[in-house]
Amino acid sequence: MPGTLALCGGGPFSANDDLDRRLLAEAGADRVVVLPTADAFEQPADLVAAAMTWAERLDTVVEALMVLQRHDAEDEGAAAVIDEASAVYLVGDSSMHLRSALKDTPVLAAIRSVLDRGGLVVGVGPSAAALCDPMLDQRGGAFTIGLGLATGIAVIPEADTESEERRRRTLALADTAVVELPTGAAVVRRDDKWELVGAPTVHGELPTG
């Protein structure tokens, strides 16, 4: 995929302004589609409000796409909104819900197409974990099938909040590269090369190709 995929540890619309500003400039994006899907059962409107304030700071425009359930992700109209975007942000705290809502849907296909045409896709916190395959299972620290925008890599989002016991268990179960991403850290893939931002901890060799 020729586009840019950024996996951020946490702090959507609050902890990553410098990186966000740089990535949006590189993508030439003056409009961002935000999907708060992973917060469907929490407070998605709060994330949208934070995104609007963030957009003012970064001098960009946010379009909130309220894809909250699987039937929303199967809507061709929602996919068409993403097809017109050069930057998409996925935010929210339930990686499991994000995966179940988006997997094998027109919306996920549209997100992939953003990368295929050189655009920017950003996942923050647990949403970043869901974009990988394998995906960290929040329920116990093991791994399961993710959405596969990045393969051969798993991330531990908000790693600064993980217990040492769970961290060790997760790493012991891993059979691919794993990146611990504290809030404010990120890994960014461009042209099959990875940039480390902030203070991530990498276990294993990051995939190429």
N, C-alpha and C. Protein backbone atom coordinates (compact mmCIF):
# COMPACT_ATOMS: atom_id res chain seq x y z
N MET A 1 0.84 -1.19 0.00
CA MET A 1 0.00 0.00 0.00
C MET A 1 0.88 1.25 0.00
N PRO A 2 0.69 2.16 -0.95
CA PRO A 2 1.56 3.32 -1.05
C PRO A 2 1.26 4.44 -0.07
N GLY A 3 0.14 4.38 0.63
CA GLY A 3 -0.23 5.45 1.54
C GLY A 3 0.47 5.35 2.88
N THR A 4 0.02 6.16 3.83
CA THR A 4 0.61 6.22 5.16
C THR A 4 -0.38 5.69 6.19
N LEU A 5 0.09 4.74 6.99
CA LEU A 5 -0.70 4.19 8.08
C LEU A 5 -0.01 4.53 9.38
N ALA A 6 -0.70 5.22 10.27
CA ALA A 6 -0.15 5.61 11.57
C ALA A 6 -0.93 4.92 12.67
N LEU A 7 -0.20 4.26 13.57
CA LEU A 7 -0.77 3.59 14.73
C LEU A 7 -0.29 4.33 15.97
N CYS A 8 -1.20 4.99 16.67
CA CYS A 8 -0.85 5.85 17.79
C CYS A 8 -1.29 5.21 19.10
N GLY A 9 -0.48 5.40 20.14
CA GLY A 9 -0.72 4.71 21.40
C GLY A 9 -1.97 5.14 22.14
N GLY A 10 -2.34 6.39 22.02
CA GLY A 10 -3.53 6.87 22.73
C GLY A 10 -3.64 8.37 22.62
N GLY A 11 -4.57 8.94 23.36
CA GLY A 11 -4.75 10.39 23.37
C GLY A 11 -5.31 10.96 22.09
N PRO A 12 -6.43 10.40 21.58
CA PRO A 12 -6.97 10.93 20.33
C PRO A 12 -7.35 12.40 20.45
N PHE A 13 -6.85 13.18 19.49
CA PHE A 13 -7.15 14.61 19.38
C PHE A 13 -6.64 15.42 20.58
N SER A 14 -5.65 14.85 21.30
CA SER A 14 -5.08 15.59 22.42
C SER A 14 -3.58 15.39 22.57
N ALA A 15 -3.07 14.19 22.29
CA ALA A 15 -1.68 13.86 22.62
C ALA A 15 -0.75 13.77 21.42
N ASN A 16 -1.28 13.97 20.22
CA ASN A 16 -0.47 13.70 19.03
C ASN A 16 -0.46 14.85 18.03
N ASP A 17 -0.68 16.08 18.49
CA ASP A 17 -0.85 17.20 17.57
C ASP A 17 0.33 17.37 16.61
N ASP A 18 1.56 17.29 17.11
CA ASP A 18 2.72 17.52 16.25
C ASP A 18 2.77 16.47 15.13
N LEU A 19 2.56 15.21 15.49
CA LEU A 19 2.55 14.16 14.49
C LEU A 19 1.37 14.34 13.55
N ASP A 20 0.20 14.60 14.08
CA ASP A 20 -0.98 14.79 13.23
C ASP A 20 -0.75 15.90 12.22
N ARG A 21 -0.21 17.01 12.68
CA ARG A 21 0.03 18.14 11.79
C ARG A 21 0.97 17.74 10.65
N ARG A 22 2.01 17.01 11.00
CA ARG A 22 2.99 16.59 9.99
C ARG A 22 2.37 15.61 9.00
N LEU A 23 1.62 14.64 9.50
CA LEU A 23 1.03 13.64 8.62
C LEU A 23 0.00 14.25 7.68
N LEU A 24 -0.81 15.16 8.17
CA LEU A 24 -1.81 15.81 7.32
C LEU A 24 -1.14 16.64 6.24
N ALA A 25 -0.04 17.31 6.60
CA ALA A 25 0.69 18.10 5.59
C ALA A 25 1.29 17.20 4.53
N GLU A 26 1.86 16.08 4.94
CA GLU A 26 2.45 15.14 3.98
C GLU A 26 1.40 14.59 3.03
N ALA A 27 0.21 14.35 3.55
CA ALA A 27 -0.87 13.79 2.72
C ALA A 27 -1.58 14.85 1.90
N GLY A 28 -1.28 16.12 2.17
CA GLY A 28 -1.98 17.20 1.48
C GLY A 28 -3.46 17.22 1.81
N ALA A 29 -3.78 16.83 3.04
CA ALA A 29 -5.19 16.69 3.45
C ALA A 29 -5.65 17.94 4.18
N ASP A 30 -6.71 18.55 3.70
CA ASP A 30 -7.32 19.68 4.41
C ASP A 30 -8.69 19.30 4.96
N ARG A 31 -9.01 18.01 4.90
CA ARG A 31 -10.28 17.51 5.43
C ARG A 31 -10.03 16.11 5.96
N VAL A 32 -10.56 15.83 7.15
CA VAL A 32 -10.36 14.54 7.81
C VAL A 32 -11.71 13.91 8.09
N VAL A 33 -11.88 12.67 7.67
CA VAL A 33 -13.07 11.91 8.04
C VAL A 33 -12.76 11.16 9.33
N VAL A 34 -13.56 11.36 10.34
CA VAL A 34 -13.36 10.73 11.65
C VAL A 34 -14.45 9.69 11.89
N LEU A 35 -14.01 8.47 12.21
CA LEU A 35 -14.93 7.39 12.55
C LEU A 35 -14.77 7.05 14.03
N PRO A 36 -15.75 7.40 14.87
CA PRO A 36 -15.69 7.07 16.29
C PRO A 36 -16.31 5.69 16.58
N THR A 37 -16.20 4.79 15.63
CA THR A 37 -16.89 3.50 15.68
C THR A 37 -16.60 2.73 16.97
N ALA A 38 -15.35 2.74 17.38
CA ALA A 38 -14.95 1.93 18.53
C ALA A 38 -15.48 2.47 19.86
N ASP A 39 -16.12 3.63 19.82
CA ASP A 39 -16.76 4.17 21.03
C ASP A 39 -18.29 4.11 20.92
N ALA A 40 -18.79 3.22 20.08
CA ALA A 40 -20.24 3.17 19.83
C ALA A 40 -21.05 3.03 21.10
N PHE A 41 -20.52 2.29 22.08
CA PHE A 41 -21.26 2.04 23.31
C PHE A 41 -20.77 2.92 24.46
N GLU A 42 -19.95 3.90 24.14
CA GLU A 42 -19.46 4.83 25.14
C GLU A 42 -20.02 6.22 24.85
N GLN A 43 -19.12 7.15 24.50
CA GLN A 43 -19.56 8.51 24.23
C GLN A 43 -18.96 8.99 22.91
N PRO A 44 -19.43 8.47 21.77
CA PRO A 44 -18.85 8.88 20.50
C PRO A 44 -18.96 10.38 20.24
N ALA A 45 -20.02 11.00 20.76
CA ALA A 45 -20.18 12.44 20.55
C ALA A 45 -19.06 13.23 21.22
N ASP A 46 -18.54 12.71 22.33
CA ASP A 46 -17.42 13.39 23.00
C ASP A 46 -16.17 13.37 22.13
N LEU A 47 -15.93 12.25 21.46
CA LEU A 47 -14.78 12.17 20.55
C LEU A 47 -14.96 13.12 19.37
N VAL A 48 -16.16 13.22 18.86
CA VAL A 48 -16.42 14.13 17.75
C VAL A 48 -16.18 15.57 18.20
N ALA A 49 -16.64 15.93 19.39
CA ALA A 49 -16.41 17.28 19.90
C ALA A 49 -14.92 17.56 20.05
N ALA A 50 -14.17 16.58 20.56
CA ALA A 50 -12.71 16.75 20.68
C ALA A 50 -12.08 16.90 19.31
N ALA A 51 -12.59 16.17 18.33
CA ALA A 51 -12.06 16.27 16.97
C ALA A 51 -12.29 17.66 16.39
N MET A 52 -13.42 18.25 16.69
CA MET A 52 -13.71 19.59 16.17
C MET A 52 -12.76 20.63 16.77
N THR A 53 -12.48 20.51 18.07
CA THR A 53 -11.52 21.43 18.70
C THR A 53 -10.13 21.22 18.14
N TRP A 54 -9.74 19.96 17.96
CA TRP A 54 -8.46 19.61 17.35
C TRP A 54 -8.34 20.21 15.95
N ALA A 55 -9.40 20.12 15.17
CA ALA A 55 -9.39 20.64 13.81
C ALA A 55 -9.14 22.15 13.80
N GLU A 56 -9.69 22.85 14.77
CA GLU A 56 -9.44 24.29 14.86
C GLU A 56 -7.96 24.56 15.13
N ARG A 57 -7.35 23.77 16.03
CA ARG A 57 -5.92 23.96 16.33
C ARG A 57 -5.06 23.68 15.11
N LEU A 58 -5.44 22.67 14.34
CA LEU A 58 -4.60 22.24 13.22
C LEU A 58 -5.02 22.87 11.89
N ASP A 59 -6.01 23.74 11.94
CA ASP A 59 -6.49 24.43 10.74
C ASP A 59 -6.91 23.44 9.66
N THR A 60 -7.73 22.50 10.05
CA THR A 60 -8.27 21.54 9.10
C THR A 60 -9.77 21.44 9.29
N VAL A 61 -10.41 20.58 8.53
CA VAL A 61 -11.86 20.40 8.60
C VAL A 61 -12.13 18.94 8.93
N VAL A 62 -13.03 18.71 9.88
CA VAL A 62 -13.40 17.35 10.27
C VAL A 62 -14.81 17.05 9.80
N GLU A 63 -14.98 15.88 9.22
CA GLU A 63 -16.31 15.35 8.92
C GLU A 63 -16.49 14.09 9.74
N ALA A 64 -17.39 14.12 10.69
CA ALA A 64 -17.67 12.96 11.53
C ALA A 64 -18.58 12.01 10.78
N LEU A 65 -18.14 10.77 10.63
CA LEU A 65 -18.93 9.75 9.96
C LEU A 65 -19.38 8.76 11.03
N MET A 66 -20.65 8.82 11.37
CA MET A 66 -21.16 8.07 12.53
C MET A 66 -21.47 6.63 12.14
N VAL A 67 -20.42 5.92 11.77
CA VAL A 67 -20.50 4.49 11.51
C VAL A 67 -20.32 3.81 12.86
N LEU A 68 -21.41 3.44 13.49
CA LEU A 68 -21.36 2.92 14.86
C LEU A 68 -21.70 1.43 14.94
N GLN A 69 -22.45 0.93 13.98
CA GLN A 69 -22.83 -0.48 13.97
C GLN A 69 -22.53 -1.08 12.60
N ARG A 70 -22.60 -2.39 12.53
CA ARG A 70 -22.24 -3.05 11.28
C ARG A 70 -23.13 -2.60 10.11
N HIS A 71 -24.41 -2.40 10.35
CA HIS A 71 -25.28 -1.98 9.25
C HIS A 71 -24.86 -0.62 8.72
N ASP A 72 -24.28 0.23 9.57
CA ASP A 72 -23.75 1.51 9.09
C ASP A 72 -22.56 1.29 8.16
N ALA A 73 -21.70 0.33 8.51
CA ALA A 73 -20.50 0.06 7.73
C ALA A 73 -20.81 -0.62 6.41
N GLU A 74 -22.01 -1.20 6.30
CA GLU A 74 -22.43 -1.84 5.05
C GLU A 74 -23.12 -0.86 4.11
N ASP A 75 -23.25 0.38 4.54
CA ASP A 75 -23.92 1.40 3.74
C ASP A 75 -22.97 1.97 2.68
N GLU A 76 -23.36 1.88 1.43
CA GLU A 76 -22.51 2.38 0.34
C GLU A 76 -22.32 3.90 0.41
N GLY A 77 -23.31 4.58 0.96
CA GLY A 77 -23.18 6.03 1.10
C GLY A 77 -22.07 6.41 2.05
N ALA A 78 -21.93 5.68 3.16
CA ALA A 78 -20.84 5.94 4.10
C ALA A 78 -19.50 5.65 3.44
N ALA A 79 -19.44 4.55 2.68
CA ALA A 79 -18.20 4.23 1.98
C ALA A 79 -17.85 5.32 0.97
N ALA A 80 -18.85 5.90 0.32
CA ALA A 80 -18.60 6.94 -0.66
C ALA A 80 -17.99 8.19 -0.03
N VAL A 81 -18.38 8.49 1.21
CA VAL A 81 -17.77 9.63 1.91
C VAL A 81 -16.27 9.40 2.08
N ILE A 82 -15.89 8.19 2.46
CA ILE A 82 -14.48 7.86 2.64
C ILE A 82 -13.76 7.85 1.30
N ASP A 83 -14.44 7.42 0.24
CA ASP A 83 -13.82 7.39 -1.08
C ASP A 83 -13.40 8.78 -1.55
N GLU A 84 -14.02 9.81 -0.99
CA GLU A 84 -13.68 11.18 -1.38
C GLU A 84 -12.65 11.81 -0.46
N ALA A 85 -12.16 11.05 0.53
CA ALA A 85 -11.26 11.59 1.55
C ALA A 85 -9.81 11.19 1.27
N SER A 86 -8.90 12.02 1.75
CA SER A 86 -7.47 11.67 1.70
C SER A 86 -6.92 11.39 3.08
N ALA A 87 -7.74 11.56 4.12
CA ALA A 87 -7.30 11.27 5.49
C ALA A 87 -8.48 10.74 6.30
N VAL A 88 -8.25 9.62 6.99
CA VAL A 88 -9.28 9.00 7.82
C VAL A 88 -8.69 8.67 9.18
N TYR A 89 -9.39 9.04 10.24
CA TYR A 89 -8.98 8.73 11.61
C TYR A 89 -10.00 7.80 12.23
N LEU A 90 -9.52 6.72 12.84
CA LEU A 90 -10.38 5.79 13.58
C LEU A 90 -10.03 5.89 15.05
N VAL A 91 -11.03 6.17 15.88
CA VAL A 91 -10.79 6.42 17.29
C VAL A 91 -11.86 5.71 18.13
N GLY A 92 -11.56 5.53 19.40
CA GLY A 92 -12.48 4.88 20.31
C GLY A 92 -11.81 3.71 21.01
N ASP A 93 -12.46 3.20 22.04
CA ASP A 93 -11.80 2.32 22.99
C ASP A 93 -12.12 0.84 22.87
N SER A 94 -12.98 0.43 21.95
CA SER A 94 -13.29 -1.01 21.84
C SER A 94 -12.78 -1.54 20.51
N SER A 95 -11.61 -2.15 20.55
CA SER A 95 -11.06 -2.74 19.33
C SER A 95 -11.95 -3.88 18.84
N MET A 96 -12.53 -4.65 19.76
CA MET A 96 -13.38 -5.77 19.37
C MET A 96 -14.62 -5.28 18.61
N HIS A 97 -15.23 -4.21 19.08
CA HIS A 97 -16.40 -3.69 18.38
C HIS A 97 -16.00 -3.13 17.02
N LEU A 98 -14.88 -2.43 16.97
CA LEU A 98 -14.44 -1.88 15.68
C LEU A 98 -14.25 -2.99 14.67
N ARG A 99 -13.60 -4.06 15.09
CA ARG A 99 -13.38 -5.18 14.18
C ARG A 99 -14.71 -5.78 13.71
N SER A 100 -15.60 -6.05 14.65
CA SER A 100 -16.86 -6.70 14.27
C SER A 100 -17.73 -5.80 13.40
N ALA A 101 -17.64 -4.49 13.62
CA ALA A 101 -18.45 -3.56 12.84
C ALA A 101 -17.93 -3.39 11.41
N LEU A 102 -16.61 -3.41 11.23
CA LEU A 102 -16.04 -3.05 9.93
C LEU A 102 -15.61 -4.23 9.07
N LYS A 103 -15.32 -5.37 9.65
CA LYS A 103 -14.70 -6.45 8.88
C LYS A 103 -15.56 -6.84 7.68
N ASP A 104 -14.92 -6.90 6.50
CA ASP A 104 -15.57 -7.33 5.26
C ASP A 104 -16.78 -6.47 4.91
N THR A 105 -16.63 -5.16 5.03
CA THR A 105 -17.71 -4.23 4.70
C THR A 105 -17.24 -3.22 3.66
N PRO A 106 -18.16 -2.53 2.98
CA PRO A 106 -17.77 -1.48 2.06
C PRO A 106 -16.97 -0.36 2.72
N VAL A 107 -17.26 -0.06 3.98
CA VAL A 107 -16.51 1.00 4.67
C VAL A 107 -15.05 0.59 4.84
N LEU A 108 -14.79 -0.65 5.23
CA LEU A 108 -13.40 -1.09 5.35
C LEU A 108 -12.71 -1.09 4.00
N ALA A 109 -13.41 -1.53 2.96
CA ALA A 109 -12.82 -1.50 1.62
C ALA A 109 -12.47 -0.06 1.22
N ALA A 110 -13.31 0.89 1.58
CA ALA A 110 -13.03 2.29 1.26
C ALA A 110 -11.82 2.81 2.03
N ILE A 111 -11.68 2.37 3.29
CA ILE A 111 -10.51 2.78 4.07
C ILE A 111 -9.24 2.23 3.43
N ARG A 112 -9.28 0.98 2.99
CA ARG A 112 -8.13 0.41 2.28
C ARG A 112 -7.81 1.21 1.02
N SER A 113 -8.85 1.66 0.34
CA SER A 113 -8.63 2.41 -0.91
C SER A 113 -7.95 3.76 -0.64
N VAL A 114 -8.19 4.33 0.55
CA VAL A 114 -7.48 5.56 0.91
C VAL A 114 -5.97 5.31 0.90
N LEU A 115 -5.56 4.20 1.49
CA LEU A 115 -4.14 3.85 1.48
C LEU A 115 -3.66 3.53 0.07
N ASP A 116 -4.47 2.82 -0.70
CA ASP A 116 -4.07 2.41 -2.04
C ASP A 116 -3.79 3.61 -2.95
N ARG A 117 -4.50 4.71 -2.70
CA ARG A 117 -4.28 5.88 -3.56
C ARG A 117 -3.37 6.92 -2.91
N GLY A 118 -2.65 6.51 -1.86
CA GLY A 118 -1.63 7.37 -1.28
C GLY A 118 -2.08 8.26 -0.15
N GLY A 119 -3.24 7.99 0.42
CA GLY A 119 -3.77 8.81 1.50
C GLY A 119 -3.27 8.37 2.87
N LEU A 120 -3.91 8.91 3.88
CA LEU A 120 -3.51 8.72 5.28
C LEU A 120 -4.62 8.05 6.06
N VAL A 121 -4.26 6.99 6.79
CA VAL A 121 -5.18 6.34 7.73
C VAL A 121 -4.50 6.30 9.09
N VAL A 122 -5.20 6.78 10.12
CA VAL A 122 -4.66 6.84 11.47
C VAL A 122 -5.60 6.10 12.41
N GLY A 123 -5.04 5.22 13.22
CA GLY A 123 -5.78 4.59 14.30
C GLY A 123 -5.16 5.00 15.61
N VAL A 124 -5.98 5.30 16.59
CA VAL A 124 -5.48 5.78 17.88
C VAL A 124 -6.00 4.89 19.00
N GLY A 125 -5.09 4.49 19.91
CA GLY A 125 -5.47 3.67 21.05
C GLY A 125 -5.93 2.29 20.61
N PRO A 126 -6.95 1.73 21.26
CA PRO A 126 -7.44 0.41 20.87
C PRO A 126 -7.85 0.32 19.41
N SER A 127 -8.26 1.42 18.81
CA SER A 127 -8.57 1.40 17.38
C SER A 127 -7.33 1.08 16.55
N ALA A 128 -6.17 1.52 17.00
CA ALA A 128 -4.93 1.18 16.30
C ALA A 128 -4.67 -0.32 16.36
N ALA A 129 -4.93 -0.93 17.51
CA ALA A 129 -4.74 -2.37 17.64
C ALA A 129 -5.61 -3.13 16.66
N ALA A 130 -6.85 -2.66 16.44
CA ALA A 130 -7.78 -3.36 15.56
C ALA A 130 -7.35 -3.32 14.10
N LEU A 131 -6.54 -2.33 13.73
CA LEU A 131 -6.11 -2.23 12.33
C LEU A 131 -5.04 -3.24 11.98
N CYS A 132 -4.47 -3.89 12.99
CA CYS A 132 -3.41 -4.87 12.77
C CYS A 132 -3.98 -6.28 12.69
N ASP A 133 -3.16 -7.16 12.13
CA ASP A 133 -3.44 -8.58 12.20
C ASP A 133 -2.11 -9.29 12.45
N PRO A 134 -1.91 -9.82 13.66
CA PRO A 134 -2.90 -10.07 14.72
C PRO A 134 -3.29 -8.80 15.49
N MET A 135 -4.43 -8.90 16.15
CA MET A 135 -4.96 -7.83 16.97
C MET A 135 -4.90 -8.23 18.43
N LEU A 136 -4.45 -7.33 19.26
CA LEU A 136 -4.47 -7.58 20.70
C LEU A 136 -5.91 -7.65 21.20
N ASP A 137 -6.23 -8.72 21.88
CA ASP A 137 -7.55 -8.90 22.47
C ASP A 137 -7.57 -8.22 23.83
N GLN A 138 -8.34 -7.14 23.94
CA GLN A 138 -8.38 -6.36 25.18
C GLN A 138 -8.86 -7.16 26.38
N ARG A 139 -9.59 -8.23 26.12
CA ARG A 139 -10.22 -8.95 27.22
C ARG A 139 -9.22 -9.74 28.05
N GLY A 140 -8.08 -10.11 27.44
CA GLY A 140 -7.15 -10.93 28.21
C GLY A 140 -5.70 -10.81 27.84
N GLY A 141 -5.41 -9.99 26.83
CA GLY A 141 -4.02 -9.79 26.46
C GLY A 141 -3.47 -10.80 25.48
N ALA A 142 -4.34 -11.67 24.93
CA ALA A 142 -3.91 -12.61 23.90
C ALA A 142 -4.12 -11.96 22.52
N PHE A 143 -4.08 -12.76 21.48
CA PHE A 143 -4.20 -12.21 20.13
C PHE A 143 -5.33 -12.89 19.38
N THR A 144 -5.91 -12.13 18.44
CA THR A 144 -6.98 -12.64 17.61
C THR A 144 -6.85 -12.00 16.24
N ILE A 145 -7.77 -12.32 15.35
CA ILE A 145 -7.72 -11.78 14.00
C ILE A 145 -8.18 -10.32 14.00
N GLY A 146 -7.41 -9.47 13.34
CA GLY A 146 -7.77 -8.06 13.23
C GLY A 146 -8.20 -7.70 11.83
N LEU A 147 -8.21 -6.41 11.53
CA LEU A 147 -8.69 -5.92 10.24
C LEU A 147 -7.63 -5.99 9.15
N GLY A 148 -6.37 -6.13 9.53
CA GLY A 148 -5.34 -6.44 8.56
C GLY A 148 -4.83 -5.31 7.69
N LEU A 149 -5.02 -4.06 8.08
CA LEU A 149 -4.38 -2.99 7.32
C LEU A 149 -2.87 -3.04 7.48
N ALA A 150 -2.43 -3.58 8.62
CA ALA A 150 -1.01 -3.91 8.83
C ALA A 150 -0.97 -5.36 9.25
N THR A 151 -0.11 -6.16 8.62
CA THR A 151 -0.01 -7.58 8.94
C THR A 151 1.39 -7.89 9.46
N GLY A 152 1.46 -8.94 10.26
CA GLY A 152 2.74 -9.32 10.83
C GLY A 152 3.21 -8.42 11.95
N ILE A 153 2.28 -7.65 12.50
CA ILE A 153 2.61 -6.74 13.60
C ILE A 153 1.38 -6.59 14.48
N ALA A 154 1.60 -6.52 15.78
CA ALA A 154 0.55 -6.20 16.74
C ALA A 154 1.04 -5.04 17.59
N VAL A 155 0.12 -4.24 18.07
CA VAL A 155 0.50 -3.13 18.94
C VAL A 155 -0.24 -3.24 20.26
N ILE A 156 0.43 -2.81 21.31
CA ILE A 156 -0.18 -2.69 22.64
C ILE A 156 -0.43 -1.21 22.86
N PRO A 157 -1.66 -0.72 22.64
CA PRO A 157 -1.93 0.70 22.82
C PRO A 157 -2.00 1.07 24.30
N GLU A 158 -1.76 2.34 24.57
CA GLU A 158 -1.80 2.83 25.95
C GLU A 158 -0.97 1.92 26.85
N ALA A 159 0.22 1.57 26.34
CA ALA A 159 1.06 0.60 27.04
C ALA A 159 1.50 1.08 28.41
N ASP A 160 1.46 2.39 28.62
CA ASP A 160 1.84 2.95 29.91
C ASP A 160 0.82 2.61 31.00
N THR A 161 -0.34 2.08 30.61
CA THR A 161 -1.36 1.71 31.60
C THR A 161 -1.44 0.20 31.82
N GLU A 162 -0.64 -0.57 31.09
CA GLU A 162 -0.68 -2.03 31.20
C GLU A 162 0.03 -2.50 32.47
N SER A 163 -0.51 -3.53 33.09
CA SER A 163 0.19 -4.14 34.22
C SER A 163 1.37 -4.95 33.70
N GLU A 164 2.39 -5.12 34.53
CA GLU A 164 3.55 -5.90 34.12
C GLU A 164 3.16 -7.35 33.85
N GLU A 165 2.26 -7.89 34.64
CA GLU A 165 1.84 -9.28 34.44
C GLU A 165 1.19 -9.46 33.08
N ARG A 166 0.28 -8.55 32.74
CA ARG A 166 -0.40 -8.68 31.45
C ARG A 166 0.58 -8.43 30.30
N ARG A 167 1.48 -7.49 30.48
CA ARG A 167 2.48 -7.21 29.45
C ARG A 167 3.31 -8.46 29.16
N ARG A 168 3.78 -9.12 30.20
CA ARG A 168 4.60 -10.31 30.01
C ARG A 168 3.81 -11.42 29.35
N ARG A 169 2.56 -11.57 29.73
CA ARG A 169 1.73 -12.62 29.13
C ARG A 169 1.53 -12.34 27.65
N THR A 170 1.25 -11.10 27.30
CA THR A 170 1.05 -10.74 25.90
C THR A 170 2.29 -11.04 25.08
N LEU A 171 3.44 -10.63 25.57
CA LEU A 171 4.68 -10.85 24.82
C LEU A 171 5.01 -12.34 24.70
N ALA A 172 4.68 -13.11 25.72
CA ALA A 172 4.95 -14.55 25.67
C ALA A 172 4.08 -15.24 24.63
N LEU A 173 2.89 -14.71 24.37
CA LEU A 173 1.96 -15.31 23.42
C LEU A 173 2.21 -14.87 21.98
N ALA A 174 3.04 -13.86 21.78
CA ALA A 174 3.22 -13.26 20.46
C ALA A 174 4.04 -14.17 19.55
N ASP A 175 3.63 -14.26 18.28
CA ASP A 175 4.46 -14.92 17.29
C ASP A 175 4.76 -14.00 16.10
N THR A 176 4.52 -12.70 16.31
CA THR A 176 4.90 -11.67 15.33
C THR A 176 5.55 -10.54 16.10
N ALA A 177 5.99 -9.53 15.38
CA ALA A 177 6.49 -8.33 16.03
C ALA A 177 5.39 -7.67 16.86
N VAL A 178 5.77 -7.17 18.02
CA VAL A 178 4.83 -6.46 18.90
C VAL A 178 5.46 -5.11 19.27
N VAL A 179 4.66 -4.07 19.21
CA VAL A 179 5.14 -2.74 19.57
C VAL A 179 4.33 -2.22 20.74
N GLU A 180 5.01 -1.90 21.83
CA GLU A 180 4.36 -1.24 22.96
C GLU A 180 4.28 0.26 22.67
N LEU A 181 3.06 0.78 22.67
CA LEU A 181 2.83 2.17 22.32
C LEU A 181 2.21 2.92 23.51
N PRO A 182 3.02 3.61 24.28
CA PRO A 182 2.42 4.47 25.30
C PRO A 182 1.71 5.66 24.65
N THR A 183 0.85 6.30 25.38
CA THR A 183 0.19 7.50 24.86
C THR A 183 1.23 8.52 24.44
N GLY A 184 1.06 9.06 23.24
CA GLY A 184 2.02 10.02 22.69
C GLY A 184 3.05 9.40 21.78
N ALA A 185 3.09 8.07 21.71
CA ALA A 185 4.02 7.37 20.82
C ALA A 185 3.24 6.80 19.63
N ALA A 186 3.98 6.48 18.56
CA ALA A 186 3.33 5.95 17.36
C ALA A 186 4.34 5.19 16.53
N VAL A 187 3.82 4.34 15.66
CA VAL A 187 4.61 3.79 14.56
C VAL A 187 3.88 4.17 13.28
N VAL A 188 4.66 4.58 12.28
CA VAL A 188 4.10 5.08 11.03
C VAL A 188 4.71 4.31 9.87
N ARG A 189 3.86 3.74 9.03
CA ARG A 189 4.34 2.98 7.87
C ARG A 189 4.14 3.79 6.59
N ARG A 190 5.25 3.97 5.87
CA ARG A 190 5.21 4.57 4.54
C ARG A 190 6.07 3.71 3.62
N ASP A 191 5.55 3.36 2.46
CA ASP A 191 6.34 2.59 1.48
C ASP A 191 6.98 1.37 2.13
N ASP A 192 6.22 0.71 2.99
CA ASP A 192 6.67 -0.52 3.67
C ASP A 192 7.86 -0.29 4.60
N LYS A 193 8.11 0.95 4.98
CA LYS A 193 9.13 1.27 5.98
C LYS A 193 8.44 1.90 7.18
N TRP A 194 8.99 1.64 8.36
CA TRP A 194 8.36 2.09 9.59
C TRP A 194 9.18 3.20 10.25
N GLU A 195 8.48 4.23 10.68
CA GLU A 195 9.08 5.31 11.49
C GLU A 195 8.57 5.16 12.92
N LEU A 196 9.48 5.27 13.87
CA LEU A 196 9.10 5.24 15.28
C LEU A 196 9.00 6.67 15.79
N VAL A 197 7.90 7.00 16.44
CA VAL A 197 7.65 8.35 16.94
C VAL A 197 7.47 8.28 18.45
N GLY A 198 8.12 9.17 19.18
CA GLY A 198 8.01 9.14 20.63
C GLY A 198 8.88 8.04 21.19
N ALA A 199 8.32 7.26 22.10
CA ALA A 199 9.11 6.23 22.79
C ALA A 199 8.43 4.86 22.74
N PRO A 200 8.19 4.31 21.54
CA PRO A 200 7.65 2.96 21.48
C PRO A 200 8.73 1.94 21.80
N THR A 201 8.33 0.76 22.23
CA THR A 201 9.25 -0.35 22.46
C THR A 201 8.90 -1.45 21.48
N VAL A 202 9.89 -1.84 20.66
CA VAL A 202 9.65 -2.82 19.60
C VAL A 202 10.22 -4.16 20.02
N HIS A 203 9.40 -5.19 19.91
CA HIS A 203 9.84 -6.56 20.18
C HIS A 203 9.74 -7.33 18.86
N GLY A 204 10.87 -7.81 18.38
CA GLY A 204 10.90 -8.51 17.10
C GLY A 204 11.21 -7.56 15.96
N GLU A 205 11.09 -8.06 14.75
CA GLU A 205 11.44 -7.31 13.55
C GLU A 205 10.18 -6.83 12.86
N LEU A 206 10.10 -5.53 12.61
CA LEU A 206 8.91 -4.97 11.96
C LEU A 206 8.82 -5.49 10.53
N PRO A 207 7.62 -5.79 10.07
CA PRO A 207 7.46 -6.40 8.74
C PRO A 207 7.76 -5.40 7.62
N THR A 208 8.22 -5.93 6.51
CA THR A 208 8.40 -5.15 5.29
C THR A 208 7.71 -5.90 4.15
N GLY A 209 7.42 -5.16 3.08
CA GLY A 209 6.80 -5.80 1.94
C GLY A 209 5.32 -6.05 2.13
